[in-house]
Amino acid sequence: MAGDVAHPQTDQLHAFLETLSDKMRKEGYVPDTSCVLHDVDEDEKGNLLYGHSERLAIAFGILNPAPGTTIRVAKNVRVCNDCHVVTKYISKIMEREIIVRDVRRFHNFKEGTCSCGDYW
């Protein structure tokens, strides 16, 4: 559930995402807040993006299995534009293959690119 903080690794996951965000910004990442439909200021919209389920799942996948393991995430809704970009950055920075299945297709992220060619 969105906003749930009951998981025992919640603090660790959010701290890890914060560290990743700093690394992504150094690589040129700029949050795309156009997919956040809440009537809040831009900074808050950026903060809301951190709670998207695929980001939390990817962070969990990086922190828990053996290094180098392919991360697989399944979603029942479409990946937002910003999460698609973020996942490309994460695959490059963490040197991990990430496969995300959304409602439309499989996205295979590797070395900062996606198999969909950014068309989804």
C-alpha atoms as a PDB file:
ATOM      1  CA  MET A   1       0.000   0.000   0.000  1.00  0.00           C
ATOM      2  CA  ALA A   2       1.287   3.466  -0.831  1.00  0.00           C
ATOM      3  CA  GLY A   3       2.923   5.180   2.106  1.00  0.00           C
ATOM      4  CA  ASP A   4       3.196   1.975   4.137  1.00  0.00           C
ATOM      5  CA  VAL A   5       6.191   2.068   6.480  1.00  0.00           C
ATOM      6  CA  ALA A   6       5.611  -1.262   8.252  1.00  0.00           C
ATOM      7  CA  HIS A   7       8.297  -3.156   6.310  1.00  0.00           C
ATOM      8  CA  PRO A   8      11.374  -3.753   8.492  1.00  0.00           C
ATOM      9  CA  GLN A   9      13.696  -2.372   5.792  1.00  0.00           C
ATOM     10  CA  THR A  10      11.711   0.795   5.045  1.00  0.00           C
ATOM     11  CA  ASP A  11      14.354   3.171   6.394  1.00  0.00           C
ATOM     12  CA  GLN A  12      17.161   1.305   4.654  1.00  0.00           C
ATOM     13  CA  LEU A  13      15.278   1.285   1.323  1.00  0.00           C
ATOM     14  CA  HIS A  14      14.552   5.009   1.435  1.00  0.00           C
ATOM     15  CA  ALA A  15      18.127   5.842   2.451  1.00  0.00           C
ATOM     16  CA  PHE A  16      19.411   3.731  -0.430  1.00  0.00           C
ATOM     17  CA  LEU A  17      17.051   5.474  -2.877  1.00  0.00           C
ATOM     18  CA  GLU A  18      18.278   8.839  -1.595  1.00  0.00           C
ATOM     19  CA  THR A  19      21.894   7.807  -2.232  1.00  0.00           C
ATOM     20  CA  LEU A  20      20.962   6.561  -5.697  1.00  0.00           C
ATOM     21  CA  SER A  21      19.175   9.840  -6.403  1.00  0.00           C
ATOM     22  CA  ASP A  22      22.352  11.782  -5.623  1.00  0.00           C
ATOM     23  CA  LYS A  23      24.351   9.548  -7.966  1.00  0.00           C
ATOM     24  CA  MET A  24      21.730   9.886 -10.717  1.00  0.00           C
ATOM     25  CA  ARG A  25      21.702  13.671 -10.443  1.00  0.00           C
ATOM     26  CA  LYS A  26      25.477  13.687 -10.874  1.00  0.00           C
ATOM     27  CA  GLU A  27      24.919  11.670 -14.075  1.00  0.00           C
ATOM     28  CA  GLY A  28      22.382  14.236 -15.336  1.00  0.00           C
ATOM     29  CA  TYR A  29      19.031  12.972 -14.048  1.00  0.00           C
ATOM     30  CA  VAL A  30      16.280  15.571 -13.687  1.00  0.00           C
ATOM     31  CA  PRO A  31      12.960  14.358 -12.195  1.00  0.00           C
ATOM     32  CA  ASP A  32      10.012  14.361 -14.601  1.00  0.00           C
ATOM     33  CA  THR A  33       7.189  15.466 -12.328  1.00  0.00           C
ATOM     34  CA  SER A  34       4.609  15.602 -15.131  1.00  0.00           C
ATOM     35  CA  CYS A  35       3.263  12.217 -14.031  1.00  0.00           C
ATOM     36  CA  VAL A  36       2.555  13.445 -10.481  1.00  0.00           C
ATOM     37  CA  LEU A  37      -1.015  14.722 -10.629  1.00  0.00           C
ATOM     38  CA  HIS A  38      -1.260  16.019  -7.049  1.00  0.00           C
ATOM     39  CA  ASP A  39      -1.621  19.774  -6.594  1.00  0.00           C
ATOM     40  CA  VAL A  40       1.637  20.309  -4.680  1.00  0.00           C
ATOM     41  CA  ASP A  41       4.853  22.235  -5.338  1.00  0.00           C
ATOM     42  CA  GLU A  42       7.611  20.807  -7.555  1.00  0.00           C
ATOM     43  CA  ASP A  43       9.829  19.717  -4.650  1.00  0.00           C
ATOM     44  CA  GLU A  44       6.997  17.722  -3.117  1.00  0.00           C
ATOM     45  CA  LYS A  45       6.214  16.159  -6.516  1.00  0.00           C
ATOM     46  CA  GLY A  46       9.836  15.014  -6.693  1.00  0.00           C
ATOM     47  CA  ASN A  47       9.502  13.475  -3.240  1.00  0.00           C
ATOM     48  CA  LEU A  48       6.313  11.650  -4.238  1.00  0.00           C
ATOM     49  CA  LEU A  49       8.145   9.951  -7.101  1.00  0.00           C
ATOM     50  CA  TYR A  50      10.393   8.137  -4.573  1.00  0.00           C
ATOM     51  CA  GLY A  51       7.421   6.134  -3.330  1.00  0.00           C
ATOM     52  CA  HIS A  52       6.591   4.515  -6.660  1.00  0.00           C
ATOM     53  CA  SER A  53       6.389   0.756  -6.234  1.00  0.00           C
ATOM     54  CA  GLU A  54       8.937  -0.170  -8.890  1.00  0.00           C
ATOM     55  CA  ARG A  55      11.589   2.026  -7.275  1.00  0.00           C
ATOM     56  CA  LEU A  56      11.034   0.397  -3.901  1.00  0.00           C
ATOM     57  CA  ALA A  57      11.056  -3.069  -5.501  1.00  0.00           C
ATOM     58  CA  ILE A  58      14.290  -2.344  -7.380  1.00  0.00           C
ATOM     59  CA  ALA A  59      15.945  -0.981  -4.229  1.00  0.00           C
ATOM     60  CA  PHE A  60      14.862  -4.103  -2.349  1.00  0.00           C
ATOM     61  CA  GLY A  61      16.227  -6.272  -5.167  1.00  0.00           C
ATOM     62  CA  ILE A  62      19.589  -4.544  -5.090  1.00  0.00           C
ATOM     63  CA  LEU A  63      19.965  -4.639  -1.311  1.00  0.00           C
ATOM     64  CA  ASN A  64      18.933  -8.258  -0.725  1.00  0.00           C
ATOM     65  CA  PRO A  65      20.018 -10.872  -3.306  1.00  0.00           C
ATOM     66  CA  ALA A  66      23.551 -11.744  -4.318  1.00  0.00           C
ATOM     67  CA  PRO A  67      25.403  -9.033  -6.290  1.00  0.00           C
ATOM     68  CA  GLY A  68      24.957  -9.364 -10.033  1.00  0.00           C
ATOM     69  CA  THR A  69      21.588 -11.100  -9.805  1.00  0.00           C
ATOM     70  CA  THR A  70      19.058  -9.932 -12.391  1.00  0.00           C
ATOM     71  CA  ILE A  71      16.260  -7.959 -10.738  1.00  0.00           C
ATOM     72  CA  ARG A  72      12.731  -8.791 -11.913  1.00  0.00           C
ATOM     73  CA  VAL A  73       9.732  -6.566 -11.146  1.00  0.00           C
ATOM     74  CA  ALA A  74       6.115  -7.164 -12.195  1.00  0.00           C
ATOM     75  CA  LYS A  75       3.547  -4.349 -12.226  1.00  0.00           C
ATOM     76  CA  ASN A  76      -0.154  -4.366 -12.989  1.00  0.00           C
ATOM     77  CA  VAL A  77      -0.064  -0.772 -14.263  1.00  0.00           C
ATOM     78  CA  ARG A  78       2.112   1.064 -16.742  1.00  0.00           C
ATOM     79  CA  VAL A  79       5.536   2.380 -15.690  1.00  0.00           C
ATOM     80  CA  CYS A  80       5.556   6.196 -15.501  1.00  0.00           C
ATOM     81  CA  ASN A  81       8.008   8.190 -17.630  1.00  0.00           C
ATOM     82  CA  ASP A  82      10.154   9.168 -14.674  1.00  0.00           C
ATOM     83  CA  CYS A  83      10.467   5.627 -13.319  1.00  0.00           C
ATOM     84  CA  HIS A  84      11.454   4.422 -16.785  1.00  0.00           C
ATOM     85  CA  VAL A  85      14.278   6.985 -16.880  1.00  0.00           C
ATOM     86  CA  VAL A  86      15.279   6.242 -13.284  1.00  0.00           C
ATOM     87  CA  THR A  87      15.483   2.513 -13.980  1.00  0.00           C
ATOM     88  CA  LYS A  88      17.830   3.182 -16.904  1.00  0.00           C
ATOM     89  CA  TYR A  89      20.084   5.220 -14.617  1.00  0.00           C
ATOM     90  CA  ILE A  90      19.997   2.573 -11.887  1.00  0.00           C
ATOM     91  CA  SER A  91      20.910  -0.192 -14.340  1.00  0.00           C
ATOM     92  CA  LYS A  92      23.926   1.842 -15.419  1.00  0.00           C
ATOM     93  CA  ILE A  93      25.077   3.053 -11.995  1.00  0.00           C
ATOM     94  CA  MET A  94      24.592  -0.282 -10.219  1.00  0.00           C
ATOM     95  CA  GLU A  95      25.726  -2.354 -13.220  1.00  0.00           C
ATOM     96  CA  ARG A  96      22.661  -4.574 -12.928  1.00  0.00           C
ATOM     97  CA  GLU A  97      20.182  -5.973 -15.390  1.00  0.00           C
ATOM     98  CA  ILE A  98      16.623  -5.045 -14.409  1.00  0.00           C
ATOM     99  CA  ILE A  99      13.571  -6.571 -16.056  1.00  0.00           C
ATOM    100  CA  VAL A 100      10.268  -4.796 -15.468  1.00  0.00           C
ATOM    101  CA  ARG A 101       6.986  -6.239 -16.705  1.00  0.00           C
ATOM    102  CA  ASP A 102       4.271  -3.610 -16.857  1.00  0.00           C
ATOM    103  CA  VAL A 103       0.741  -3.907 -18.212  1.00  0.00           C
ATOM    104  CA  ARG A 104       1.961  -3.419 -21.791  1.00  0.00           C
ATOM    105  CA  ARG A 105       5.353  -5.132 -22.166  1.00  0.00           C
ATOM    106  CA  PHE A 106       8.639  -6.310 -20.765  1.00  0.00           C
ATOM    107  CA  HIS A 107      11.345  -3.695 -20.304  1.00  0.00           C
ATOM    108  CA  ASN A 108      14.877  -5.088 -20.133  1.00  0.00           C
ATOM    109  CA  PHE A 109      17.150  -2.402 -18.657  1.00  0.00           C
ATOM    110  CA  LYS A 110      20.876  -2.930 -19.060  1.00  0.00           C
ATOM    111  CA  GLU A 111      23.820  -0.522 -19.054  1.00  0.00           C
ATOM    112  CA  GLY A 112      21.521   2.515 -19.067  1.00  0.00           C
ATOM    113  CA  THR A 113      19.281   1.506 -21.964  1.00  0.00           C
ATOM    114  CA  CYS A 114      15.916  -0.202 -22.305  1.00  0.00           C
ATOM    115  CA  SER A 115      14.915  -2.886 -24.778  1.00  0.00           C
ATOM    116  CA  CYS A 116      11.794  -0.895 -25.703  1.00  0.00           C
ATOM    117  CA  GLY A 117      13.951   1.851 -27.219  1.00  0.00           C
ATOM    118  CA  ASP A 118      12.032   4.350 -25.041  1.00  0.00           C
ATOM    119  CA  TYR A 119       8.841   3.563 -26.949  1.00  0.00           C
ATOM    120  CA  TRP A 120       6.185   2.091 -24.778  1.00  0.00           C
END
